[in-house]
């Protein structure tokens, strides 16, 4: 029990540092009753995803864990409706700031990869679907695009889309936004991202070399379109490109650790749930690779604060 408790304290420390880096206010309104701070409620939402709890299971766990409750400064246990209302009002921009706050906790990424995956929007068991014939129909899913750091499988940025769109549509704004925070050396992507604008963004805004597998490799260079696509065609290293498969591994790690479906019903709540999982995933990865020096600095800062 001591090992588990210490690990949960580490999760709290990482959350506290992320909220400090993102410069989140303790209260959103001056008329707030100030019983619970934004940090406490946000931590409980991240902790809920980290432990894969429902709201009732979350509050039961917090009620039994007095040491963690004291560590968080919770005078009393909130009602589950308090967390639900806070979750409904939580701006997506704040969650995006928390994802980018990992920039100060990790080393500058050298190799990144972009890939998309589908997250199911129902909780029906595969056995039930098979018995009722649902597997023959098209099941609803949230298309989620991740940009992974390939060494530790950290998620640098994510974007969700309910309707079907080509991968390039989501990739262009994501890479532009990523270029304001990171400057990697290599960008890996499969053929779905073979677009001249993606190559241009990689060279000019990311300052990264795009290892993107192009379509129709049998077409010679002089018949290809796009300045940057021609520039990378003859120097394409297929052996190095195979590192892109680690993005598939990242998708598998994320889904295996935090499930491949979401329980929320509304689109906005589904997106919030996925981003909270991304934050929990990054914290979990940092704990697994042993970022103890970061935790020591965080705890020193908390004591001084």
C-alpha atoms as a PDB file:
ATOM      1  CA  UNK A   1       0.000   0.000   0.000  1.00  0.00           C
ATOM      2  CA  UNK A   2       2.898   2.337   0.734  1.00  0.00           C
ATOM      3  CA  UNK A   3       4.290   1.961  -2.806  1.00  0.00           C
ATOM      4  CA  UNK A   4       0.902   2.700  -4.387  1.00  0.00           C
ATOM      5  CA  UNK A   5       0.357   5.692  -2.124  1.00  0.00           C
ATOM      6  CA  UNK A   6       3.774   7.140  -2.952  1.00  0.00           C
ATOM      7  CA  UNK A   7       3.006   6.745  -6.652  1.00  0.00           C
ATOM      8  CA  UNK A   8      -0.265   8.641  -6.258  1.00  0.00           C
ATOM      9  CA  UNK A   9       1.589  11.441  -4.489  1.00  0.00           C
ATOM     10  CA  UNK A  10       3.931  11.605  -7.468  1.00  0.00           C
ATOM     11  CA  UNK A  11       0.923  11.961  -9.766  1.00  0.00           C
ATOM     12  CA  UNK A  12      -0.291  14.825  -7.576  1.00  0.00           C
ATOM     13  CA  UNK A  13       3.130  16.479  -7.749  1.00  0.00           C
ATOM     14  CA  UNK A  14       3.215  16.322 -11.539  1.00  0.00           C
ATOM     15  CA  UNK A  15      -0.329  17.698 -11.754  1.00  0.00           C
ATOM     16  CA  UNK A  16       0.535  20.577  -9.433  1.00  0.00           C
ATOM     17  CA  UNK A  17       3.556  21.482 -11.572  1.00  0.00           C
ATOM     18  CA  UNK A  18       1.517  21.355 -14.784  1.00  0.00           C
ATOM     19  CA  UNK A  19      -1.108  23.680 -13.305  1.00  0.00           C
ATOM     20  CA  UNK A  20       1.635  26.078 -12.162  1.00  0.00           C
ATOM     21  CA  UNK A  21       3.313  26.117 -15.591  1.00  0.00           C
ATOM     22  CA  UNK A  22      -0.034  26.691 -17.304  1.00  0.00           C
ATOM     23  CA  UNK A  23      -0.700  29.563 -14.832  1.00  0.00           C
ATOM     24  CA  UNK A  24      -4.213  28.429 -14.010  1.00  0.00           C
ATOM     25  CA  UNK A  25      -6.130  30.498 -11.427  1.00  0.00           C
ATOM     26  CA  UNK A  26      -7.166  28.897  -8.170  1.00  0.00           C
ATOM     27  CA  UNK A  27     -10.741  30.071  -8.743  1.00  0.00           C
ATOM     28  CA  UNK A  28     -12.556  31.046 -11.922  1.00  0.00           C
ATOM     29  CA  UNK A  29     -14.932  33.493 -10.266  1.00  0.00           C
ATOM     30  CA  UNK A  30     -14.620  35.919  -7.366  1.00  0.00           C
ATOM     31  CA  UNK A  31     -18.062  34.713  -6.243  1.00  0.00           C
ATOM     32  CA  UNK A  32     -16.851  31.137  -5.806  1.00  0.00           C
ATOM     33  CA  UNK A  33     -17.490  29.535  -2.400  1.00  0.00           C
ATOM     34  CA  UNK A  34     -13.774  28.565  -2.380  1.00  0.00           C
ATOM     35  CA  UNK A  35     -14.413  25.164  -0.830  1.00  0.00           C
ATOM     36  CA  UNK A  36     -12.417  23.460  -3.587  1.00  0.00           C
ATOM     37  CA  UNK A  37      -9.747  24.995  -5.793  1.00  0.00           C
ATOM     38  CA  UNK A  38      -9.438  24.465  -9.528  1.00  0.00           C
ATOM     39  CA  UNK A  39      -6.268  22.500  -8.844  1.00  0.00           C
ATOM     40  CA  UNK A  40      -8.054  20.035  -6.574  1.00  0.00           C
ATOM     41  CA  UNK A  41     -10.943  19.494  -8.983  1.00  0.00           C
ATOM     42  CA  UNK A  42      -8.671  19.187 -12.011  1.00  0.00           C
ATOM     43  CA  UNK A  43      -6.461  16.718 -10.193  1.00  0.00           C
ATOM     44  CA  UNK A  44      -9.478  14.585  -9.307  1.00  0.00           C
ATOM     45  CA  UNK A  45     -10.514  14.514 -12.977  1.00  0.00           C
ATOM     46  CA  UNK A  46      -7.000  13.503 -14.088  1.00  0.00           C
ATOM     47  CA  UNK A  47      -6.780  10.993 -11.232  1.00  0.00           C
ATOM     48  CA  UNK A  48     -10.129   9.534 -12.320  1.00  0.00           C
ATOM     49  CA  UNK A  49      -8.699   8.794 -15.770  1.00  0.00           C
ATOM     50  CA  UNK A  50      -5.386   7.601 -14.322  1.00  0.00           C
ATOM     51  CA  UNK A  51      -7.144   4.955 -12.230  1.00  0.00           C
ATOM     52  CA  UNK A  52      -9.918   4.315 -14.804  1.00  0.00           C
ATOM     53  CA  UNK A  53     -12.612   5.076 -12.219  1.00  0.00           C
ATOM     54  CA  UNK A  54     -16.212   6.160 -12.478  1.00  0.00           C
ATOM     55  CA  UNK A  55     -17.195   9.198 -10.404  1.00  0.00           C
ATOM     56  CA  UNK A  56     -18.580   7.001  -7.631  1.00  0.00           C
ATOM     57  CA  UNK A  57     -15.465   4.808  -7.566  1.00  0.00           C
ATOM     58  CA  UNK A  58     -13.270   7.918  -7.529  1.00  0.00           C
ATOM     59  CA  UNK A  59     -14.942   9.425  -4.472  1.00  0.00           C
ATOM     60  CA  UNK A  60     -14.965   6.066  -2.679  1.00  0.00           C
ATOM     61  CA  UNK A  61     -11.231   5.729  -3.259  1.00  0.00           C
ATOM     62  CA  UNK A  62     -10.548   9.290  -2.047  1.00  0.00           C
ATOM     63  CA  UNK A  63     -12.696   8.696   1.049  1.00  0.00           C
ATOM     64  CA  UNK A  64     -10.629   5.630   1.967  1.00  0.00           C
ATOM     65  CA  UNK A  65      -7.273   7.263   1.207  1.00  0.00           C
ATOM     66  CA  UNK A  66      -6.924   9.775   4.042  1.00  0.00           C
ATOM     67  CA  UNK A  67      -3.201  10.360   3.459  1.00  0.00           C
ATOM     68  CA  UNK A  68      -3.707  11.409  -0.166  1.00  0.00           C
ATOM     69  CA  UNK A  69      -6.682  13.551   0.844  1.00  0.00           C
ATOM     70  CA  UNK A  70      -4.524  15.385   3.394  1.00  0.00           C
ATOM     71  CA  UNK A  71      -1.738  15.731   0.811  1.00  0.00           C
ATOM     72  CA  UNK A  72      -4.206  17.460  -1.528  1.00  0.00           C
ATOM     73  CA  UNK A  73      -5.609  19.666   1.221  1.00  0.00           C
ATOM     74  CA  UNK A  74      -9.170  18.394   0.796  1.00  0.00           C
ATOM     75  CA  UNK A  75     -11.107  19.476   3.877  1.00  0.00           C
ATOM     76  CA  UNK A  76     -14.099  17.414   2.801  1.00  0.00           C
ATOM     77  CA  UNK A  77     -14.934  15.094  -0.049  1.00  0.00           C
ATOM     78  CA  UNK A  78     -16.796  16.787  -2.928  1.00  0.00           C
ATOM     79  CA  UNK A  79     -20.044  15.422  -4.252  1.00  0.00           C
ATOM     80  CA  UNK A  80     -19.779  13.749  -7.633  1.00  0.00           C
ATOM     81  CA  UNK A  81     -22.113  16.380  -9.125  1.00  0.00           C
ATOM     82  CA  UNK A  82     -19.506  19.041  -8.259  1.00  0.00           C
ATOM     83  CA  UNK A  83     -16.962  17.314 -10.474  1.00  0.00           C
ATOM     84  CA  UNK A  84     -19.497  16.718 -13.247  1.00  0.00           C
ATOM     85  CA  UNK A  85     -20.462  20.411 -13.349  1.00  0.00           C
ATOM     86  CA  UNK A  86     -16.804  21.463 -13.289  1.00  0.00           C
ATOM     87  CA  UNK A  87     -16.055  19.029 -16.124  1.00  0.00           C
ATOM     88  CA  UNK A  88     -18.895  20.463 -18.226  1.00  0.00           C
ATOM     89  CA  UNK A  89     -17.596  24.020 -17.839  1.00  0.00           C
ATOM     90  CA  UNK A  90     -13.922  23.146 -18.349  1.00  0.00           C
ATOM     91  CA  UNK A  91     -12.586  25.025 -21.418  1.00  0.00           C
ATOM     92  CA  UNK A  92     -10.720  22.943 -23.999  1.00  0.00           C
ATOM     93  CA  UNK A  93      -8.124  25.736 -24.261  1.00  0.00           C
ATOM     94  CA  UNK A  94      -7.069  25.137 -20.652  1.00  0.00           C
ATOM     95  CA  UNK A  95      -6.582  21.422 -21.265  1.00  0.00           C
ATOM     96  CA  UNK A  96      -4.482  22.224 -24.335  1.00  0.00           C
ATOM     97  CA  UNK A  97      -2.303  24.516 -22.185  1.00  0.00           C
ATOM     98  CA  UNK A  98      -1.804  21.625 -19.765  1.00  0.00           C
ATOM     99  CA  UNK A  99      -0.682  19.341 -22.607  1.00  0.00           C
ATOM    100  CA  UNK A 100       1.835  21.958 -23.801  1.00  0.00           C
ATOM    101  CA  UNK A 101       2.992  22.453 -20.183  1.00  0.00           C
ATOM    102  CA  UNK A 102       4.890  19.159 -20.503  1.00  0.00           C
ATOM    103  CA  UNK A 103       7.332  21.133 -22.664  1.00  0.00           C
ATOM    104  CA  UNK A 104       9.108  22.283 -19.488  1.00  0.00           C
ATOM    105  CA  UNK A 105       9.214  18.781 -17.974  1.00  0.00           C
ATOM    106  CA  UNK A 106      10.684  16.794 -20.860  1.00  0.00           C
ATOM    107  CA  UNK A 107      13.790  16.940 -23.005  1.00  0.00           C
ATOM    108  CA  UNK A 108      13.407  18.571 -26.445  1.00  0.00           C
ATOM    109  CA  UNK A 109      12.079  15.828 -28.737  1.00  0.00           C
ATOM    110  CA  UNK A 110      14.288  14.885 -31.685  1.00  0.00           C
ATOM    111  CA  UNK A 111      12.042  12.358 -33.436  1.00  0.00           C
ATOM    112  CA  UNK A 112       8.279  12.759 -33.638  1.00  0.00           C
ATOM    113  CA  UNK A 113       5.555  10.946 -35.545  1.00  0.00           C
ATOM    114  CA  UNK A 114       1.964  11.793 -36.383  1.00  0.00           C
ATOM    115  CA  UNK A 115      -0.731   9.161 -36.646  1.00  0.00           C
ATOM    116  CA  UNK A 116      -4.472   8.854 -36.108  1.00  0.00           C
ATOM    117  CA  UNK A 117      -6.592   6.216 -34.435  1.00  0.00           C
ATOM    118  CA  UNK A 118     -10.244   5.640 -33.655  1.00  0.00           C
ATOM    119  CA  UNK A 119     -11.654   5.668 -30.124  1.00  0.00           C
ATOM    120  CA  UNK A 120     -15.003   3.947 -29.754  1.00  0.00           C
ATOM    121  CA  UNK A 121     -17.936   5.945 -28.362  1.00  0.00           C
ATOM    122  CA  UNK A 122     -19.847   3.059 -26.830  1.00  0.00           C
ATOM    123  CA  UNK A 123     -19.159   0.566 -24.068  1.00  0.00           C
ATOM    124  CA  UNK A 124     -20.894  -2.507 -25.472  1.00  0.00           C
ATOM    125  CA  UNK A 125     -18.837  -5.681 -25.084  1.00  0.00           C
ATOM    126  CA  UNK A 126     -17.577  -7.395 -28.275  1.00  0.00           C
ATOM    127  CA  UNK A 127     -19.487 -10.548 -27.264  1.00  0.00           C
ATOM    128  CA  UNK A 128     -22.743  -8.599 -26.971  1.00  0.00           C
ATOM    129  CA  UNK A 129     -22.150  -6.899 -30.329  1.00  0.00           C
ATOM    130  CA  UNK A 130     -21.480 -10.223 -31.993  1.00  0.00           C
ATOM    131  CA  UNK A 131     -24.630 -11.799 -30.562  1.00  0.00           C
ATOM    132  CA  UNK A 132     -26.836  -8.866 -31.575  1.00  0.00           C
ATOM    133  CA  UNK A 133     -25.224  -8.268 -34.975  1.00  0.00           C
ATOM    134  CA  UNK A 134     -23.900  -4.779 -34.157  1.00  0.00           C
ATOM    135  CA  UNK A 135     -20.480  -5.717 -35.535  1.00  0.00           C
ATOM    136  CA  UNK A 136     -22.006  -5.774 -39.015  1.00  0.00           C
ATOM    137  CA  UNK A 137     -22.918  -2.120 -38.679  1.00  0.00           C
ATOM    138  CA  UNK A 138     -20.644   0.903 -38.556  1.00  0.00           C
ATOM    139  CA  UNK A 139     -19.992   1.758 -34.927  1.00  0.00           C
ATOM    140  CA  UNK A 140     -19.505   5.393 -33.858  1.00  0.00           C
ATOM    141  CA  UNK A 141     -15.971   6.491 -33.081  1.00  0.00           C
ATOM    142  CA  UNK A 142     -13.939   9.624 -32.389  1.00  0.00           C
ATOM    143  CA  UNK A 143     -11.055  10.063 -34.808  1.00  0.00           C
ATOM    144  CA  UNK A 144      -8.095  11.150 -32.704  1.00  0.00           C
ATOM    145  CA  UNK A 145      -4.780  12.315 -34.153  1.00  0.00           C
ATOM    146  CA  UNK A 146      -1.697  12.081 -31.935  1.00  0.00           C
ATOM    147  CA  UNK A 147       1.784  13.530 -32.337  1.00  0.00           C
ATOM    148  CA  UNK A 148       4.153  11.238 -30.431  1.00  0.00           C
ATOM    149  CA  UNK A 149       7.663  11.717 -29.156  1.00  0.00           C
ATOM    150  CA  UNK A 150       9.130   8.406 -30.264  1.00  0.00           C
ATOM    151  CA  UNK A 151      11.691   7.797 -27.520  1.00  0.00           C
ATOM    152  CA  UNK A 152       9.368   7.702 -24.497  1.00  0.00           C
ATOM    153  CA  UNK A 153       5.975   7.615 -26.291  1.00  0.00           C
ATOM    154  CA  UNK A 154       4.910  10.959 -24.849  1.00  0.00           C
ATOM    155  CA  UNK A 155       1.985  12.677 -26.579  1.00  0.00           C
ATOM    156  CA  UNK A 156       2.941  16.207 -27.576  1.00  0.00           C
ATOM    157  CA  UNK A 157      -0.403  17.194 -29.103  1.00  0.00           C
ATOM    158  CA  UNK A 158      -3.760  15.637 -29.923  1.00  0.00           C
ATOM    159  CA  UNK A 159      -6.840  16.581 -31.897  1.00  0.00           C
ATOM    160  CA  UNK A 160     -10.270  14.928 -32.008  1.00  0.00           C
ATOM    161  CA  UNK A 161     -12.820  14.925 -34.806  1.00  0.00           C
ATOM    162  CA  UNK A 162     -16.250  13.291 -34.808  1.00  0.00           C
ATOM    163  CA  UNK A 163     -16.867  13.448 -38.575  1.00  0.00           C
ATOM    164  CA  UNK A 164     -14.682  11.698 -41.115  1.00  0.00           C
ATOM    165  CA  UNK A 165     -12.006  13.839 -42.737  1.00  0.00           C
ATOM    166  CA  UNK A 166      -8.717  13.202 -44.488  1.00  0.00           C
ATOM    167  CA  UNK A 167      -5.694  12.979 -42.190  1.00  0.00           C
ATOM    168  CA  UNK A 168      -4.071  16.001 -43.868  1.00  0.00           C
ATOM    169  CA  UNK A 169      -6.937  18.281 -42.750  1.00  0.00           C
ATOM    170  CA  UNK A 170      -6.055  17.795 -39.077  1.00  0.00           C
ATOM    171  CA  UNK A 171      -2.310  17.467 -39.576  1.00  0.00           C
ATOM    172  CA  UNK A 172      -1.675  20.937 -41.019  1.00  0.00           C
ATOM    173  CA  UNK A 173      -2.966  23.042 -38.062  1.00  0.00           C
ATOM    174  CA  UNK A 174      -1.483  20.577 -35.568  1.00  0.00           C
ATOM    175  CA  UNK A 175       2.016  20.804 -37.032  1.00  0.00           C
ATOM    176  CA  UNK A 176       1.826  24.602 -37.230  1.00  0.00           C
ATOM    177  CA  UNK A 177       0.801  24.758 -33.582  1.00  0.00           C
ATOM    178  CA  UNK A 178       3.490  22.266 -32.597  1.00  0.00           C
ATOM    179  CA  UNK A 179       6.153  24.364 -34.324  1.00  0.00           C
ATOM    180  CA  UNK A 180       5.580  27.169 -31.809  1.00  0.00           C
ATOM    181  CA  UNK A 181       6.718  24.907 -28.955  1.00  0.00           C
ATOM    182  CA  UNK A 182       9.048  22.236 -30.358  1.00  0.00           C
ATOM    183  CA  UNK A 183      11.742  22.029 -33.035  1.00  0.00           C
ATOM    184  CA  UNK A 184      12.306  18.298 -33.736  1.00  0.00           C
ATOM    185  CA  UNK A 185      14.841  16.904 -36.165  1.00  0.00           C
ATOM    186  CA  UNK A 186      12.709  14.304 -37.993  1.00  0.00           C
ATOM    187  CA  UNK A 187       8.974  14.002 -38.650  1.00  0.00           C
ATOM    188  CA  UNK A 188       7.678  10.512 -39.459  1.00  0.00           C
ATOM    189  CA  UNK A 189       4.338   9.895 -41.189  1.00  0.00           C
ATOM    190  CA  UNK A 190       2.735   7.321 -43.463  1.00  0.00           C
ATOM    191  CA  UNK A 191       1.346   7.768 -46.966  1.00  0.00           C
ATOM    192  CA  UNK A 192      -1.863   9.358 -45.705  1.00  0.00           C
ATOM    193  CA  UNK A 193       0.171  12.523 -44.993  1.00  0.00           C
ATOM    194  CA  UNK A 194       1.813  12.688 -48.419  1.00  0.00           C
ATOM    195  CA  UNK A 195       0.936  16.295 -49.216  1.00  0.00           C
ATOM    196  CA  UNK A 196       3.140  19.167 -50.392  1.00  0.00           C
ATOM    197  CA  UNK A 197       1.803  21.475 -47.656  1.00  0.00           C
ATOM    198  CA  UNK A 198       2.799  18.959 -44.952  1.00  0.00           C
ATOM    199  CA  UNK A 199       6.327  18.801 -46.393  1.00  0.00           C
ATOM    200  CA  UNK A 200       6.486  22.604 -46.515  1.00  0.00           C
ATOM    201  CA  UNK A 201       5.335  23.004 -42.891  1.00  0.00           C
ATOM    202  CA  UNK A 202       7.893  20.426 -41.768  1.00  0.00           C
ATOM    203  CA  UNK A 203      10.777  22.232 -43.463  1.00  0.00           C
ATOM    204  CA  UNK A 204       9.812  25.863 -42.869  1.00  0.00           C
ATOM    205  CA  UNK A 205       7.960  25.877 -39.525  1.00  0.00           C
ATOM    206  CA  UNK A 206       9.137  22.741 -37.704  1.00  0.00           C
ATOM    207  CA  UNK A 207      12.687  22.852 -39.094  1.00  0.00           C
ATOM    208  CA  UNK A 208      12.419  19.072 -39.304  1.00  0.00           C
ATOM    209  CA  UNK A 209      13.185  16.616 -42.081  1.00  0.00           C
ATOM    210  CA  UNK A 210       9.937  14.913 -43.198  1.00  0.00           C
ATOM    211  CA  UNK A 211      10.339  11.146 -43.526  1.00  0.00           C
ATOM    212  CA  UNK A 212       6.942  10.679 -45.160  1.00  0.00           C
ATOM    213  CA  UNK A 213       6.393   7.719 -47.438  1.00  0.00           C
ATOM    214  CA  UNK A 214       5.182   9.059 -50.775  1.00  0.00           C
ATOM    215  CA  UNK A 215       2.554   7.456 -52.972  1.00  0.00           C
ATOM    216  CA  UNK A 216       3.384   5.814 -56.311  1.00  0.00           C
ATOM    217  CA  UNK A 217       7.076   5.159 -55.743  1.00  0.00           C
ATOM    218  CA  UNK A 218       7.318   3.915 -59.323  1.00  0.00           C
ATOM    219  CA  UNK A 219       6.757   7.462 -60.649  1.00  0.00           C
ATOM    220  CA  UNK A 220      10.110   9.172 -61.431  1.00  0.00           C
ATOM    221  CA  UNK A 221      11.155  12.433 -59.793  1.00  0.00           C
ATOM    222  CA  UNK A 222      10.644  14.683 -62.822  1.00  0.00           C
ATOM    223  CA  UNK A 223       6.995  13.654 -63.042  1.00  0.00           C
ATOM    224  CA  UNK A 224       6.241  14.390 -59.391  1.00  0.00           C
ATOM    225  CA  UNK A 225       4.578  17.554 -58.129  1.00  0.00           C
ATOM    226  CA  UNK A 226       5.786  19.793 -55.331  1.00  0.00           C
ATOM    227  CA  UNK A 227       9.213  21.304 -54.654  1.00  0.00           C
ATOM    228  CA  UNK A 228       9.646  19.726 -51.216  1.00  0.00           C
ATOM    229  CA  UNK A 229       8.269  16.347 -52.277  1.00  0.00           C
ATOM    230  CA  UNK A 230      10.864  16.209 -55.050  1.00  0.00           C
ATOM    231  CA  UNK A 231      13.553  17.336 -52.617  1.00  0.00           C
ATOM    232  CA  UNK A 232      12.985  14.353 -50.306  1.00  0.00           C
ATOM    233  CA  UNK A 233      12.183  11.702 -52.914  1.00  0.00           C
ATOM    234  CA  UNK A 234      15.726  10.641 -53.838  1.00  0.00           C
ATOM    235  CA  UNK A 235      17.097  10.920 -50.273  1.00  0.00           C
ATOM    236  CA  UNK A 236      14.382   8.814 -48.653  1.00  0.00           C
ATOM    237  CA  UNK A 237      15.824   6.358 -46.092  1.00  0.00           C
ATOM    238  CA  UNK A 238      13.338   3.494 -45.862  1.00  0.00           C
ATOM    239  CA  UNK A 239      15.249   1.793 -43.028  1.00  0.00           C
ATOM    240  CA  UNK A 240      14.992   4.923 -40.883  1.00  0.00           C
ATOM    241  CA  UNK A 241      11.367   5.376 -41.935  1.00  0.00           C
ATOM    242  CA  UNK A 242      10.483   2.099 -40.197  1.00  0.00           C
ATOM    243  CA  UNK A 243      10.817   4.006 -36.913  1.00  0.00           C
ATOM    244  CA  UNK A 244       7.345   5.338 -37.768  1.00  0.00           C
ATOM    245  CA  UNK A 245       5.965   2.013 -36.540  1.00  0.00           C
ATOM    246  CA  UNK A 246       6.637   3.243 -33.008  1.00  0.00           C
ATOM    247  CA  UNK A 247       3.689   5.598 -33.475  1.00  0.00           C
ATOM    248  CA  UNK A 248       1.493   2.522 -33.843  1.00  0.00           C
ATOM    249  CA  UNK A 249       3.051   1.214 -30.644  1.00  0.00           C
ATOM    250  CA  UNK A 250       2.185   4.523 -28.973  1.00  0.00           C
ATOM    251  CA  UNK A 251      -1.453   4.160 -30.005  1.00  0.00           C
ATOM    252  CA  UNK A 252      -1.458   0.638 -28.588  1.00  0.00           C
ATOM    253  CA  UNK A 253       0.101   1.749 -25.293  1.00  0.00           C
ATOM    254  CA  UNK A 254      -2.459   4.537 -24.911  1.00  0.00           C
ATOM    255  CA  UNK A 255      -5.447   2.295 -25.645  1.00  0.00           C
ATOM    256  CA  UNK A 256      -4.226  -0.602 -23.543  1.00  0.00           C
ATOM    257  CA  UNK A 257      -3.560   1.626 -20.532  1.00  0.00           C
ATOM    258  CA  UNK A 258      -6.684   3.807 -20.742  1.00  0.00           C
ATOM    259  CA  UNK A 259      -9.111   1.689 -22.816  1.00  0.00           C
ATOM    260  CA  UNK A 260     -10.191   2.206 -26.416  1.00  0.00           C
ATOM    261  CA  UNK A 261     -13.611   3.718 -25.685  1.00  0.00           C
ATOM    262  CA  UNK A 262     -15.048   6.701 -23.838  1.00  0.00           C
ATOM    263  CA  UNK A 263     -18.088   6.775 -21.598  1.00  0.00           C
ATOM    264  CA  UNK A 264     -19.265  10.341 -22.171  1.00  0.00           C
ATOM    265  CA  UNK A 265     -22.252  10.976 -24.429  1.00  0.00           C
ATOM    266  CA  UNK A 266     -21.827  14.544 -25.698  1.00  0.00           C
ATOM    267  CA  UNK A 267     -19.144  15.488 -28.210  1.00  0.00           C
ATOM    268  CA  UNK A 268     -17.491  18.132 -26.046  1.00  0.00           C
ATOM    269  CA  UNK A 269     -17.363  15.851 -22.992  1.00  0.00           C
ATOM    270  CA  UNK A 270     -15.853  13.079 -25.099  1.00  0.00           C
ATOM    271  CA  UNK A 271     -13.072  15.405 -26.235  1.00  0.00           C
ATOM    272  CA  UNK A 272     -12.422  16.521 -22.661  1.00  0.00           C
ATOM    273  CA  UNK A 273     -12.232  12.916 -21.502  1.00  0.00           C
ATOM    274  CA  UNK A 274      -9.679  12.035 -24.194  1.00  0.00           C
ATOM    275  CA  UNK A 275      -7.459  15.043 -23.397  1.00  0.00           C
ATOM    276  CA  UNK A 276      -7.576  14.201 -19.681  1.00  0.00           C
ATOM    277  CA  UNK A 277      -6.403  10.722 -20.630  1.00  0.00           C
ATOM    278  CA  UNK A 278      -3.555  12.254 -22.623  1.00  0.00           C
ATOM    279  CA  UNK A 279      -2.430  14.187 -19.525  1.00  0.00           C
ATOM    280  CA  UNK A 280      -2.697  11.036 -17.405  1.00  0.00           C
ATOM    281  CA  UNK A 281      -0.812   9.080 -20.088  1.00  0.00           C
ATOM    282  CA  UNK A 282       2.101  11.540 -20.133  1.00  0.00           C
ATOM    283  CA  UNK A 283       2.326  11.543 -16.347  1.00  0.00           C
ATOM    284  CA  UNK A 284       2.291   7.746 -16.366  1.00  0.00           C
ATOM    285  CA  UNK A 285       5.093   7.664 -18.944  1.00  0.00           C
ATOM    286  CA  UNK A 286       7.214  10.132 -16.927  1.00  0.00           C
ATOM    287  CA  UNK A 287       6.777   7.968 -13.834  1.00  0.00           C
ATOM    288  CA  UNK A 288       7.713   4.819 -15.732  1.00  0.00           C
ATOM    289  CA  UNK A 289      10.924   6.286 -17.159  1.00  0.00           C
ATOM    290  CA  UNK A 290      11.896   7.554 -13.689  1.00  0.00           C
ATOM    291  CA  UNK A 291      11.873  11.352 -13.709  1.00  0.00           C
ATOM    292  CA  UNK A 292      12.804  11.552 -10.017  1.00  0.00           C
ATOM    293  CA  UNK A 293      14.901  14.730 -10.388  1.00  0.00           C
ATOM    294  CA  UNK A 294      11.865  16.595 -11.712  1.00  0.00           C
ATOM    295  CA  UNK A 295       9.793  15.421  -8.745  1.00  0.00           C
ATOM    296  CA  UNK A 296      12.436  16.576  -6.252  1.00  0.00           C
ATOM    297  CA  UNK A 297      12.432  20.065  -7.796  1.00  0.00           C
ATOM    298  CA  UNK A 298       8.625  20.125  -7.808  1.00  0.00           C
ATOM    299  CA  UNK A 299       8.402  19.228  -4.123  1.00  0.00           C
ATOM    300  CA  UNK A 300      10.996  21.867  -3.203  1.00  0.00           C
ATOM    301  CA  UNK A 301       8.959  24.452  -5.093  1.00  0.00           C
ATOM    302  CA  UNK A 302       5.738  23.326  -3.355  1.00  0.00           C
ATOM    303  CA  UNK A 303       7.316  23.708   0.092  1.00  0.00           C
ATOM    304  CA  UNK A 304       8.629  27.185  -0.753  1.00  0.00           C
ATOM    305  CA  UNK A 305       5.221  28.118  -2.162  1.00  0.00           C
END
